[in-house]
Amino acid sequence: MAEKSFKYVILGGGVAAGYAAREFAKLGVQHGELAIISKEAVAPYERPALSKAYLFPEGTARLPGFHVCVGSGGERLLPEWYTEKGISLILST
């Protein structure tokens, strides 16, 4: 297997990785320069605020769609988005 090198690497696939990837894309990162390496088997996503519903049962917790950047008005960063931007997702690693 041939090894690939990247100019930029984000370690961890939490929500911050998705937002960081979005910023790299806005700044014009070139195809193949950025990789996200994550132990998770899926692309970065927003976790729902379930603890808020438990702590404050009188109100209903707003559950975001399970995509990065939905809450900030950005586009949904589905796995295809990363591919289109030339960002490598190295998952389950």
Protein backbone atom coordinates (compact mmCIF):
# COMPACT_ATOMS: atom_id res chain seq x y z
CA MET A 1 0.00 0.00 0.00
CA ALA A 2 1.45 3.35 -1.04
CA GLU A 3 1.73 5.94 1.72
CA LYS A 4 0.16 9.35 1.23
CA SER A 5 1.39 12.51 2.85
CA PHE A 6 -0.71 15.55 3.66
CA LYS A 7 0.24 19.15 4.25
CA TYR A 8 -2.38 19.44 7.01
CA VAL A 9 -3.82 16.77 9.33
CA ILE A 10 -6.68 17.07 11.79
CA LEU A 11 -6.51 14.38 14.48
CA GLY A 12 -9.89 13.40 15.83
CA GLY A 13 -13.27 13.41 14.15
CA GLY A 14 -15.34 15.43 16.59
CA VAL A 15 -17.50 18.39 15.65
CA ALA A 16 -14.48 20.72 15.82
CA ALA A 17 -12.83 18.71 13.03
CA GLY A 18 -15.77 19.42 10.75
CA TYR A 19 -15.72 23.13 11.50
CA ALA A 20 -11.95 23.22 10.99
CA ALA A 21 -12.32 21.45 7.64
CA ARG A 22 -14.93 24.01 6.60
CA GLU A 23 -12.51 26.84 7.45
CA PHE A 24 -9.69 25.15 5.51
CA ALA A 25 -12.05 24.86 2.50
CA LYS A 26 -13.01 28.56 2.80
CA LEU A 27 -9.31 29.47 2.82
CA GLY A 28 -8.73 27.51 -0.38
CA VAL A 29 -6.99 24.34 0.77
CA GLN A 30 -5.94 22.36 -2.31
CA HIS A 31 -7.24 18.87 -3.11
CA GLY A 32 -5.20 16.28 -1.27
CA GLU A 33 -3.61 18.68 1.22
CA LEU A 34 -5.92 17.99 4.20
CA ALA A 35 -6.88 14.80 6.00
CA ILE A 36 -9.06 14.11 9.01
CA ILE A 37 -7.96 11.02 10.93
CA SER A 38 -10.62 9.69 13.28
CA LYS A 39 -11.30 6.65 15.41
CA GLU A 40 -14.99 7.00 14.56
CA ALA A 41 -16.42 5.22 11.54
CA VAL A 42 -18.40 8.24 10.33
CA ALA A 43 -17.63 11.80 9.20
CA PRO A 44 -17.68 14.50 11.91
CA TYR A 45 -21.20 15.36 13.09
CA GLU A 46 -22.98 17.45 15.70
CA ARG A 47 -24.01 15.58 18.80
CA PRO A 48 -27.51 16.32 20.13
CA ALA A 49 -27.90 18.26 23.36
CA LEU A 50 -29.65 15.45 25.21
CA SER A 51 -28.25 16.44 28.59
CA LYS A 52 -30.09 19.77 28.36
CA ALA A 53 -33.42 17.96 28.04
CA TYR A 54 -32.59 15.91 31.11
CA LEU A 55 -31.48 18.91 33.17
CA PHE A 56 -34.32 21.19 32.05
CA PRO A 57 -37.32 18.92 31.39
CA GLU A 58 -39.79 21.84 31.13
CA GLY A 59 -38.38 22.78 27.74
CA THR A 60 -37.74 20.62 24.73
CA ALA A 61 -34.15 20.22 23.61
CA ARG A 62 -33.47 21.26 20.04
CA LEU A 63 -31.94 18.28 18.31
CA PRO A 64 -29.78 19.31 15.37
CA GLY A 65 -29.54 17.31 12.21
CA PHE A 66 -26.57 15.00 12.46
CA HIS A 67 -24.34 17.04 10.17
CA VAL A 68 -21.56 19.47 10.95
CA CYS A 69 -22.32 23.19 10.53
CA VAL A 70 -26.12 22.93 10.51
CA GLY A 71 -26.43 25.13 13.60
CA SER A 72 -24.33 27.93 12.11
CA GLY A 73 -26.25 28.26 8.86
CA GLY A 74 -23.50 26.54 6.88
CA GLU A 75 -23.95 23.84 4.30
CA ARG A 76 -24.33 20.26 5.49
CA LEU A 77 -20.97 18.56 5.50
CA LEU A 78 -21.93 15.10 4.33
CA PRO A 79 -19.15 12.65 3.38
CA GLU A 80 -19.62 13.74 -0.25
CA TRP A 81 -18.77 17.32 0.72
CA TYR A 82 -15.33 16.22 1.93
CA THR A 83 -14.77 14.32 -1.31
CA GLU A 84 -15.79 17.33 -3.43
CA LYS A 85 -13.38 19.55 -1.47
CA GLY A 86 -10.54 17.02 -1.79
CA ILE A 87 -10.39 16.42 1.96
CA SER A 88 -9.47 12.87 2.91
CA LEU A 89 -11.50 11.19 5.64
CA ILE A 90 -9.43 8.43 7.22
CA LEU A 91 -11.97 6.78 9.50
CA SER A 92 -11.95 3.84 11.92
CA THR A 93 -8.26 4.51 12.54
